[in-house]
């Protein structure tokens, strides 16, 4: 499963990066997130987050670790629990108008029996990606005001 969306905002790139690189802010822009807490680290490589999400009516816990942190440019996280491994990559490009283009790619490698139902989950992942992109755009636009 893969979600790949690009969001444009009028908010400046440095501000957008700082906001999204703090993964505790997923509560504001990711409709599936119930709560995210920083467990260890300073936000850079190796930082660990405990994420609680809701998907298709079920609540799940994932542990995310920052794998790459390139200030102003890119952040990569890996989340895992017993049924899924998630790889999240956000890249940031300043726009000519002074805003930011954010590309958000989330890849989900399902484990065990969950793998069997993966094709049935595709529409739900598509809706999640669309909703997350809209909510991210709205949240980032608030930073610009």
Protein backbone atom coordinates (compact mmCIF):
# COMPACT_ATOMS: atom_id res chain seq x y z
CA UNK A 1 0.00 0.00 0.00
CA UNK A 2 1.26 3.45 -0.88
CA UNK A 3 -0.02 6.97 -0.36
CA UNK A 4 1.74 9.64 -2.42
CA UNK A 5 0.42 13.19 -2.24
CA UNK A 6 1.82 16.66 -2.88
CA UNK A 7 0.46 19.59 -0.92
CA UNK A 8 1.14 23.25 -1.73
CA UNK A 9 0.83 25.94 0.89
CA UNK A 10 1.63 29.63 1.13
CA UNK A 11 3.46 29.03 4.44
CA UNK A 12 7.26 29.43 4.24
CA UNK A 13 9.38 26.30 3.88
CA UNK A 14 11.33 26.67 7.14
CA UNK A 15 8.12 27.00 9.15
CA UNK A 16 6.47 24.08 7.34
CA UNK A 17 9.49 21.85 7.87
CA UNK A 18 9.71 22.67 11.57
CA UNK A 19 5.99 21.96 12.05
CA UNK A 20 5.85 18.66 10.13
CA UNK A 21 9.24 17.37 11.32
CA UNK A 22 7.83 17.48 14.86
CA UNK A 23 5.87 14.24 14.49
CA UNK A 24 3.75 15.06 17.54
CA UNK A 25 1.96 17.51 15.23
CA UNK A 26 0.39 14.60 13.31
CA UNK A 27 -2.56 15.09 15.65
CA UNK A 28 -3.28 18.35 13.78
CA UNK A 29 -2.98 17.22 10.17
CA UNK A 30 -3.35 13.42 9.99
CA UNK A 31 -7.02 12.42 10.31
CA UNK A 32 -6.07 8.90 11.42
CA UNK A 33 -3.90 10.03 14.32
CA UNK A 34 -5.44 9.99 17.77
CA UNK A 35 -2.24 10.89 19.62
CA UNK A 36 1.52 11.03 19.09
CA UNK A 37 4.05 11.42 21.90
CA UNK A 38 7.81 11.83 21.68
CA UNK A 39 9.32 9.00 23.71
CA UNK A 40 13.04 9.73 23.27
CA UNK A 41 15.32 12.02 21.30
CA UNK A 42 15.43 15.64 20.21
CA UNK A 43 13.48 15.29 16.95
CA UNK A 44 16.49 14.30 14.85
CA UNK A 45 17.70 10.90 13.68
CA UNK A 46 16.94 8.21 16.24
CA UNK A 47 14.05 10.07 17.87
CA UNK A 48 11.24 7.70 18.84
CA UNK A 49 7.52 8.48 18.82
CA UNK A 50 4.57 6.49 20.15
CA UNK A 51 1.65 6.90 17.75
CA UNK A 52 -1.96 5.90 18.31
CA UNK A 53 -4.04 5.83 15.13
CA UNK A 54 -7.52 4.81 14.13
CA UNK A 55 -8.10 3.08 10.79
CA UNK A 56 -11.34 1.45 9.67
CA UNK A 57 -12.75 1.72 13.18
CA UNK A 58 -9.80 0.02 14.88
CA UNK A 59 -7.23 1.67 17.11
CA UNK A 60 -3.60 0.67 16.68
CA UNK A 61 -0.29 1.61 18.28
CA UNK A 62 2.87 2.14 16.23
CA UNK A 63 6.39 3.02 17.28
CA UNK A 64 8.01 5.46 14.85
CA UNK A 65 11.74 6.18 14.61
CA UNK A 66 13.27 9.07 12.66
CA UNK A 67 15.59 7.50 10.06
CA UNK A 68 16.68 10.64 8.16
CA UNK A 69 16.51 14.30 9.15
CA UNK A 70 17.73 16.87 6.63
CA UNK A 71 16.71 20.31 7.95
CA UNK A 72 14.48 22.18 5.54
CA UNK A 73 14.59 19.39 2.96
CA UNK A 74 13.50 15.91 4.06
CA UNK A 75 12.45 13.74 6.96
CA UNK A 76 12.02 9.95 6.92
CA UNK A 77 10.33 7.89 9.62
CA UNK A 78 9.74 4.17 10.08
CA UNK A 79 6.81 2.94 12.12
CA UNK A 80 6.08 -0.62 13.17
CA UNK A 81 3.71 -2.82 15.10
CA UNK A 82 2.70 -6.49 14.83
CA UNK A 83 0.67 -6.03 11.62
CA UNK A 84 2.44 -3.31 9.62
CA UNK A 85 5.69 -1.53 8.86
CA UNK A 86 5.15 2.07 7.74
CA UNK A 87 7.71 4.20 5.90
CA UNK A 88 6.88 7.92 5.84
CA UNK A 89 8.91 10.38 3.78
CA UNK A 90 8.26 14.11 3.57
CA UNK A 91 10.22 16.31 1.19
CA UNK A 92 10.02 20.10 1.20
CA UNK A 93 10.60 22.44 -1.74
CA UNK A 94 10.22 26.22 -1.52
CA UNK A 95 7.92 27.65 -4.20
CA UNK A 96 8.59 30.76 -6.29
CA UNK A 97 5.78 32.56 -4.46
CA UNK A 98 7.48 32.05 -1.07
CA UNK A 99 5.39 29.07 -0.01
CA UNK A 100 6.18 25.38 0.16
CA UNK A 101 5.48 22.23 -1.79
CA UNK A 102 5.39 19.17 0.48
CA UNK A 103 5.49 15.67 -0.97
CA UNK A 104 4.26 13.10 1.52
CA UNK A 105 4.80 9.42 0.74
CA UNK A 106 3.58 6.74 3.14
CA UNK A 107 4.28 3.11 2.30
CA UNK A 108 2.74 0.30 4.32
CA UNK A 109 4.13 -3.23 4.33
CA UNK A 110 1.46 -5.42 5.84
CA UNK A 111 2.45 -8.47 7.89
CA UNK A 112 0.91 -11.87 8.48
CA UNK A 113 -2.77 -12.42 7.78
CA UNK A 114 -3.26 -8.71 7.13
CA UNK A 115 -1.31 -9.19 3.88
CA UNK A 116 -4.09 -11.39 2.53
CA UNK A 117 -6.73 -8.65 2.79
CA UNK A 118 -4.42 -5.92 1.45
CA UNK A 119 -6.23 -5.56 -1.92
CA UNK A 120 -9.49 -4.95 -0.08
CA UNK A 121 -7.90 -2.13 1.91
CA UNK A 122 -6.74 -0.13 -1.12
CA UNK A 123 -9.85 2.12 -1.31
CA UNK A 124 -9.58 2.94 2.41
CA UNK A 125 -5.90 3.88 2.02
CA UNK A 126 -6.79 6.09 -0.97
CA UNK A 127 -9.45 7.91 1.09
CA UNK A 128 -7.01 8.26 3.98
CA UNK A 129 -4.41 9.81 1.65
CA UNK A 130 -6.90 12.24 0.16
CA UNK A 131 -8.24 13.31 3.55
CA UNK A 132 -4.74 13.66 5.03
CA UNK A 133 -3.62 15.84 2.10
CA UNK A 134 -6.62 18.16 2.52
CA UNK A 135 -6.18 18.39 6.27
CA UNK A 136 -2.42 18.96 5.91
CA UNK A 137 -3.02 21.78 3.41
CA UNK A 138 -5.60 23.46 5.66
CA UNK A 139 -3.36 23.15 8.72
CA UNK A 140 -0.28 24.49 6.91
CA UNK A 141 -2.25 27.38 5.45
CA UNK A 142 -3.08 28.38 9.04
CA UNK A 143 0.68 28.73 9.66
CA UNK A 144 0.85 31.33 6.87
CA UNK A 145 -1.72 33.60 8.53
